[in-house]
C-alpha atoms as a PDB file:
ATOM      1  CA  MET A   1     -29.284  56.483 -38.200  1.00  0.00           C
ATOM      2  CA  GLU A   2     -27.306  59.747 -38.849  1.00  0.00           C
ATOM      3  CA  VAL A   3     -26.928  60.705 -34.685  1.00  0.00           C
ATOM      4  CA  VAL A   4     -25.484  56.804 -34.507  1.00  0.00           C
ATOM      5  CA  LEU A   5     -22.996  57.613 -37.156  1.00  0.00           C
ATOM      6  CA  LEU A   6     -22.390  60.962 -35.322  1.00  0.00           C
ATOM      7  CA  ILE A   7     -22.219  59.356 -31.910  1.00  0.00           C
ATOM      8  CA  LEU A   8     -19.945  56.420 -32.989  1.00  0.00           C
ATOM      9  CA  GLY A   9     -17.108  58.535 -35.241  1.00  0.00           C
ATOM     10  CA  ILE A  10     -16.406  61.108 -32.444  1.00  0.00           C
ATOM     11  CA  ALA A  11     -16.520  58.334 -29.750  1.00  0.00           C
ATOM     12  CA  CYS A  12     -13.768  56.658 -32.366  1.00  0.00           C
ATOM     13  CA  LEU A  13     -12.370  59.975 -32.572  1.00  0.00           C
ATOM     14  CA  LEU A  14     -12.052  60.382 -28.569  1.00  0.00           C
ATOM     15  CA  ILE A  15     -10.528  56.331 -27.964  1.00  0.00           C
ATOM     16  CA  GLY A  16      -8.232  56.740 -30.983  1.00  0.00           C
ATOM     17  CA  LEU A  17      -6.691  59.479 -28.879  1.00  0.00           C
ATOM     18  CA  ALA A  18      -6.393  57.903 -25.670  1.00  0.00           C
ATOM     19  CA  GLY A  19      -4.895  54.910 -27.939  1.00  0.00           C
ATOM     20  CA  ALA A  20      -2.364  57.145 -28.928  1.00  0.00           C
ATOM     21  CA  VAL A  21      -0.925  56.912 -25.664  1.00  0.00           C
ATOM     22  CA  LEU A  22      -2.319  53.426 -24.273  1.00  0.00           C
ATOM     23  CA  PRO A  23      -1.834  49.959 -26.381  1.00  0.00           C
ATOM     24  CA  LEU A  24      -4.823  50.460 -28.415  1.00  0.00           C
ATOM     25  CA  PRO A  25      -4.680  51.249 -32.081  1.00  0.00           C
ATOM     26  CA  GLY A  26      -5.058  55.037 -31.659  1.00  0.00           C
ATOM     27  CA  PRO A  27      -5.149  56.198 -35.544  1.00  0.00           C
ATOM     28  CA  PRO A  28      -6.936  53.056 -37.065  1.00  0.00           C
ATOM     29  CA  LEU A  29     -10.068  54.155 -34.394  1.00  0.00           C
ATOM     30  CA  SER A  30      -9.303  57.972 -34.913  1.00  0.00           C
ATOM     31  CA  PHE A  31      -9.165  57.146 -39.014  1.00  0.00           C
ATOM     32  CA  GLY A  32     -12.867  55.143 -38.563  1.00  0.00           C
ATOM     33  CA  GLY A  33     -14.052  58.161 -37.004  1.00  0.00           C
ATOM     34  CA  ILE A  34     -13.409  59.839 -39.921  1.00  0.00           C
ATOM     35  CA  LEU A  35     -15.209  57.519 -42.020  1.00  0.00           C
ATOM     36  CA  LEU A  36     -17.851  57.315 -40.029  1.00  0.00           C
ATOM     37  CA  LEU A  37     -18.636  61.295 -40.270  1.00  0.00           C
ATOM     38  CA  HIS A  38     -18.217  60.914 -43.635  1.00  0.00           C
ATOM     39  CA  PHE A  39     -20.918  58.328 -44.197  1.00  0.00           C
ATOM     40  CA  SER A  40     -23.059  60.824 -42.368  1.00  0.00           C
ATOM     41  CA  ASP A  41     -24.621  63.919 -43.373  1.00  0.00           C
ATOM     42  CA  TYR A  42     -22.602  65.716 -40.695  1.00  0.00           C
ATOM     43  CA  ALA A  43     -19.575  66.371 -42.024  1.00  0.00           C
ATOM     44  CA  GLN A  44     -18.161  65.391 -45.972  1.00  0.00           C
ATOM     45  CA  PHE A  45     -14.463  64.989 -46.679  1.00  0.00           C
ATOM     46  CA  SER A  46     -12.337  65.445 -50.191  1.00  0.00           C
ATOM     47  CA  ASP A  47     -11.343  61.619 -51.705  1.00  0.00           C
ATOM     48  CA  ASN A  48      -7.753  63.761 -50.943  1.00  0.00           C
ATOM     49  CA  LEU A  49      -7.955  64.648 -47.543  1.00  0.00           C
ATOM     50  CA  LEU A  50      -9.636  60.569 -46.640  1.00  0.00           C
ATOM     51  CA  PHE A  51      -6.721  59.357 -48.679  1.00  0.00           C
ATOM     52  CA  TRP A  52      -3.827  61.236 -47.196  1.00  0.00           C
ATOM     53  CA  LEU A  53      -5.281  60.652 -43.623  1.00  0.00           C
ATOM     54  CA  GLY A  54      -5.592  56.776 -44.413  1.00  0.00           C
ATOM     55  CA  ALA A  55      -1.920  56.670 -45.817  1.00  0.00           C
ATOM     56  CA  ALA A  56      -0.534  58.718 -43.208  1.00  0.00           C
ATOM     57  CA  THR A  57      -2.461  56.014 -40.830  1.00  0.00           C
ATOM     58  CA  VAL A  58      -1.274  52.963 -42.180  1.00  0.00           C
ATOM     59  CA  LEU A  59       2.674  54.807 -42.021  1.00  0.00           C
ATOM     60  CA  ILE A  60       2.614  55.679 -38.643  1.00  0.00           C
ATOM     61  CA  THR A  61       0.277  52.514 -37.379  1.00  0.00           C
ATOM     62  CA  VAL A  62       3.706  50.503 -39.178  1.00  0.00           C
ATOM     63  CA  LEU A  63       6.288  52.844 -38.340  1.00  0.00           C
ATOM     64  CA  ASP A  64       5.092  52.570 -34.498  1.00  0.00           C
ATOM     65  CA  TYR A  65       6.353  48.895 -34.565  1.00  0.00           C
ATOM     66  CA  TYR A  66       9.771  49.565 -35.954  1.00  0.00           C
ATOM     67  CA  VAL A  67      10.804  52.683 -34.076  1.00  0.00           C
ATOM     68  CA  PRO A  68      11.259  51.935 -30.320  1.00  0.00           C
ATOM     69  CA  ILE A  69      13.335  48.481 -32.117  1.00  0.00           C
ATOM     70  CA  TRP A  70      15.441  51.255 -34.517  1.00  0.00           C
ATOM     71  CA  GLY A  71      15.729  53.066 -31.470  1.00  0.00           C
ATOM     72  CA  THR A  72      17.051  50.510 -29.055  1.00  0.00           C
ATOM     73  CA  LYS A  73      19.108  48.612 -31.885  1.00  0.00           C
ATOM     74  CA  LYS A  74      20.673  52.434 -32.479  1.00  0.00           C
ATOM     75  CA  PHE A  75      21.463  52.392 -28.926  1.00  0.00           C
ATOM     76  CA  GLY A  76      23.483  49.281 -28.909  1.00  0.00           C
ATOM     77  CA  GLY A  77      20.211  47.266 -27.223  1.00  0.00           C
ATOM     78  CA  SER A  78      19.019  43.522 -28.592  1.00  0.00           C
ATOM     79  CA  LYS A  79      15.447  41.599 -28.797  1.00  0.00           C
ATOM     80  CA  TYR A  80      15.624  41.634 -24.941  1.00  0.00           C
ATOM     81  CA  GLY A  81      15.324  45.150 -24.559  1.00  0.00           C
ATOM     82  CA  VAL A  82      12.829  45.487 -26.637  1.00  0.00           C
ATOM     83  CA  THR A  83      10.254  42.811 -25.571  1.00  0.00           C
ATOM     84  CA  GLY A  84      11.183  44.042 -21.823  1.00  0.00           C
ATOM     85  CA  SER A  85      10.212  47.776 -23.267  1.00  0.00           C
ATOM     86  CA  PHE A  86       6.705  46.396 -24.255  1.00  0.00           C
ATOM     87  CA  ILE A  87       6.171  44.169 -21.126  1.00  0.00           C
ATOM     88  CA  GLY A  88       6.933  46.914 -18.856  1.00  0.00           C
ATOM     89  CA  MET A  89       4.538  49.517 -21.405  1.00  0.00           C
ATOM     90  CA  LEU A  90       1.925  46.636 -20.573  1.00  0.00           C
ATOM     91  CA  ALA A  91       2.566  46.769 -16.419  1.00  0.00           C
ATOM     92  CA  GLY A  92       2.481  50.051 -16.722  1.00  0.00           C
ATOM     93  CA  LEU A  93      -0.892  50.905 -17.607  1.00  0.00           C
ATOM     94  CA  PHE A  94      -1.394  49.892 -14.184  1.00  0.00           C
ATOM     95  CA  MET A  95       0.795  52.392 -12.368  1.00  0.00           C
ATOM     96  CA  GLY A  96      -0.552  55.936 -12.601  1.00  0.00           C
ATOM     97  CA  PRO A  97      -0.409  58.227 -15.299  1.00  0.00           C
ATOM     98  CA  PHE A  98       3.250  58.129 -16.028  1.00  0.00           C
ATOM     99  CA  GLY A  99       3.540  54.188 -15.208  1.00  0.00           C
ATOM    100  CA  ILE A 100       3.216  53.826 -19.052  1.00  0.00           C
ATOM    101  CA  PHE A 101       6.284  55.541 -19.702  1.00  0.00           C
ATOM    102  CA  ILE A 102       8.770  54.376 -16.762  1.00  0.00           C
ATOM    103  CA  GLY A 103       7.334  50.843 -17.577  1.00  0.00           C
ATOM    104  CA  ALA A 104       8.998  50.552 -20.853  1.00  0.00           C
ATOM    105  CA  PHE A 105      12.072  52.067 -19.742  1.00  0.00           C
ATOM    106  CA  ALA A 106      12.395  50.159 -16.372  1.00  0.00           C
ATOM    107  CA  GLY A 107      11.150  46.965 -19.016  1.00  0.00           C
ATOM    108  CA  ALA A 108      13.757  47.535 -21.878  1.00  0.00           C
ATOM    109  CA  PHE A 109      16.869  48.163 -19.108  1.00  0.00           C
ATOM    110  CA  LEU A 110      15.698  45.226 -17.440  1.00  0.00           C
ATOM    111  CA  GLY A 111      15.502  42.925 -20.741  1.00  0.00           C
ATOM    112  CA  GLU A 112      18.802  44.261 -21.338  1.00  0.00           C
ATOM    113  CA  MET A 113      20.212  43.339 -17.875  1.00  0.00           C
ATOM    114  CA  LEU A 114      19.008  39.952 -18.333  1.00  0.00           C
ATOM    115  CA  ASN A 115      20.678  39.787 -21.666  1.00  0.00           C
ATOM    116  CA  GLU A 116      24.302  41.206 -20.794  1.00  0.00           C
ATOM    117  CA  ASN A 117      24.986  42.032 -16.701  1.00  0.00           C
ATOM    118  CA  ASN A 118      25.920  45.565 -18.587  1.00  0.00           C
ATOM    119  CA  PHE A 119      24.551  48.842 -16.483  1.00  0.00           C
ATOM    120  CA  ASN A 120      25.807  51.514 -19.242  1.00  0.00           C
ATOM    121  CA  LYS A 121      24.699  49.355 -22.350  1.00  0.00           C
ATOM    122  CA  ALA A 122      21.718  48.496 -20.669  1.00  0.00           C
ATOM    123  CA  PHE A 123      20.661  51.989 -19.801  1.00  0.00           C
ATOM    124  CA  LYS A 124      21.975  53.032 -22.985  1.00  0.00           C
ATOM    125  CA  ALA A 125      19.601  50.367 -24.876  1.00  0.00           C
ATOM    126  CA  ALA A 126      16.947  51.636 -22.675  1.00  0.00           C
ATOM    127  CA  LEU A 127      17.089  55.184 -23.398  1.00  0.00           C
ATOM    128  CA  GLY A 128      17.382  54.228 -27.139  1.00  0.00           C
ATOM    129  CA  SER A 129      13.930  52.476 -26.918  1.00  0.00           C
ATOM    130  CA  PHE A 130      12.177  54.908 -24.937  1.00  0.00           C
ATOM    131  CA  ILE A 131      13.109  57.630 -26.652  1.00  0.00           C
ATOM    132  CA  GLY A 132      11.828  55.584 -29.982  1.00  0.00           C
ATOM    133  CA  PHE A 133       8.326  54.826 -27.863  1.00  0.00           C
ATOM    134  CA  LEU A 134       7.951  58.969 -27.385  1.00  0.00           C
ATOM    135  CA  VAL A 135       8.644  59.491 -30.652  1.00  0.00           C
ATOM    136  CA  GLY A 136       5.779  57.139 -31.839  1.00  0.00           C
ATOM    137  CA  ILE A 137       3.741  58.286 -29.509  1.00  0.00           C
ATOM    138  CA  PHE A 138       3.847  61.893 -30.728  1.00  0.00           C
ATOM    139  CA  ALA A 139       3.574  60.448 -33.963  1.00  0.00           C
ATOM    140  CA  LYS A 140       0.121  59.297 -33.142  1.00  0.00           C
ATOM    141  CA  VAL A 141      -0.724  61.696 -31.116  1.00  0.00           C
ATOM    142  CA  THR A 142      -0.477  64.469 -33.500  1.00  0.00           C
ATOM    143  CA  LEU A 143      -2.578  62.529 -36.156  1.00  0.00           C
ATOM    144  CA  CYS A 144      -4.869  61.520 -34.116  1.00  0.00           C
ATOM    145  CA  LEU A 145      -5.262  65.415 -33.102  1.00  0.00           C
ATOM    146  CA  VAL A 146      -5.040  66.540 -36.464  1.00  0.00           C
ATOM    147  CA  MET A 147      -8.535  63.876 -37.482  1.00  0.00           C
ATOM    148  CA  ILE A 148      -9.983  65.017 -34.542  1.00  0.00           C
ATOM    149  CA  PHE A 149      -9.378  69.062 -36.043  1.00  0.00           C
ATOM    150  CA  TYR A 150     -10.660  68.215 -39.611  1.00  0.00           C
ATOM    151  CA  ALA A 151     -13.687  66.601 -38.025  1.00  0.00           C
ATOM    152  CA  GLY A 152     -14.421  69.459 -35.577  1.00  0.00           C
ATOM    153  CA  SER A 153     -14.508  71.995 -38.485  1.00  0.00           C
ATOM    154  CA  GLN A 154     -16.352  70.207 -40.199  1.00  0.00           C
ATOM    155  CA  LEU A 155     -19.046  69.828 -37.612  1.00  0.00           C
ATOM    156  CA  TYR A 156     -18.521  73.465 -36.394  1.00  0.00           C
ATOM    157  CA  ASN A 157     -19.552  74.186 -40.123  1.00  0.00           C
ATOM    158  CA  HIS A 158     -22.844  71.788 -40.024  1.00  0.00           C
ATOM    159  CA  PHE A 159     -23.601  72.815 -37.026  1.00  0.00           C
ATOM    160  CA  ASN A 160     -22.895  76.680 -37.650  1.00  0.00           C
ATOM    161  CA  SER A 161     -24.883  77.012 -41.112  1.00  0.00           C
END
């Protein structure tokens, strides 16, 4: 059972890191990996650390939905830009490694052009959405890497003691 928890925990941490960029729940998956490792004999995290990692996971997961919207609105965009950015991001998944980024920007731009046929306003709103999208990805990747660091240090200590 311990080996199963170890394998599942590591898998969740790694899939969570990928999910920080792809449309998967990255930080919650990584936090699940931390919990799986915690309940195994391979790693023991303090209650304080688990609380703060859990709180950060909830906060970043919630903010991930609002930061692109905030960026779009801050730069003068509408719901069309936000929706376009999301659709573009999904379409970008099939366009190679940078497709998700290009898709988010292009989708926000096209959404704003459909809403108001104004190139400058659409470009500015798309830029805001894209910046918000990048900020969200940066926060998710950072949190997932922090969790991987803590897990890795615990596993290193376990196997080298």
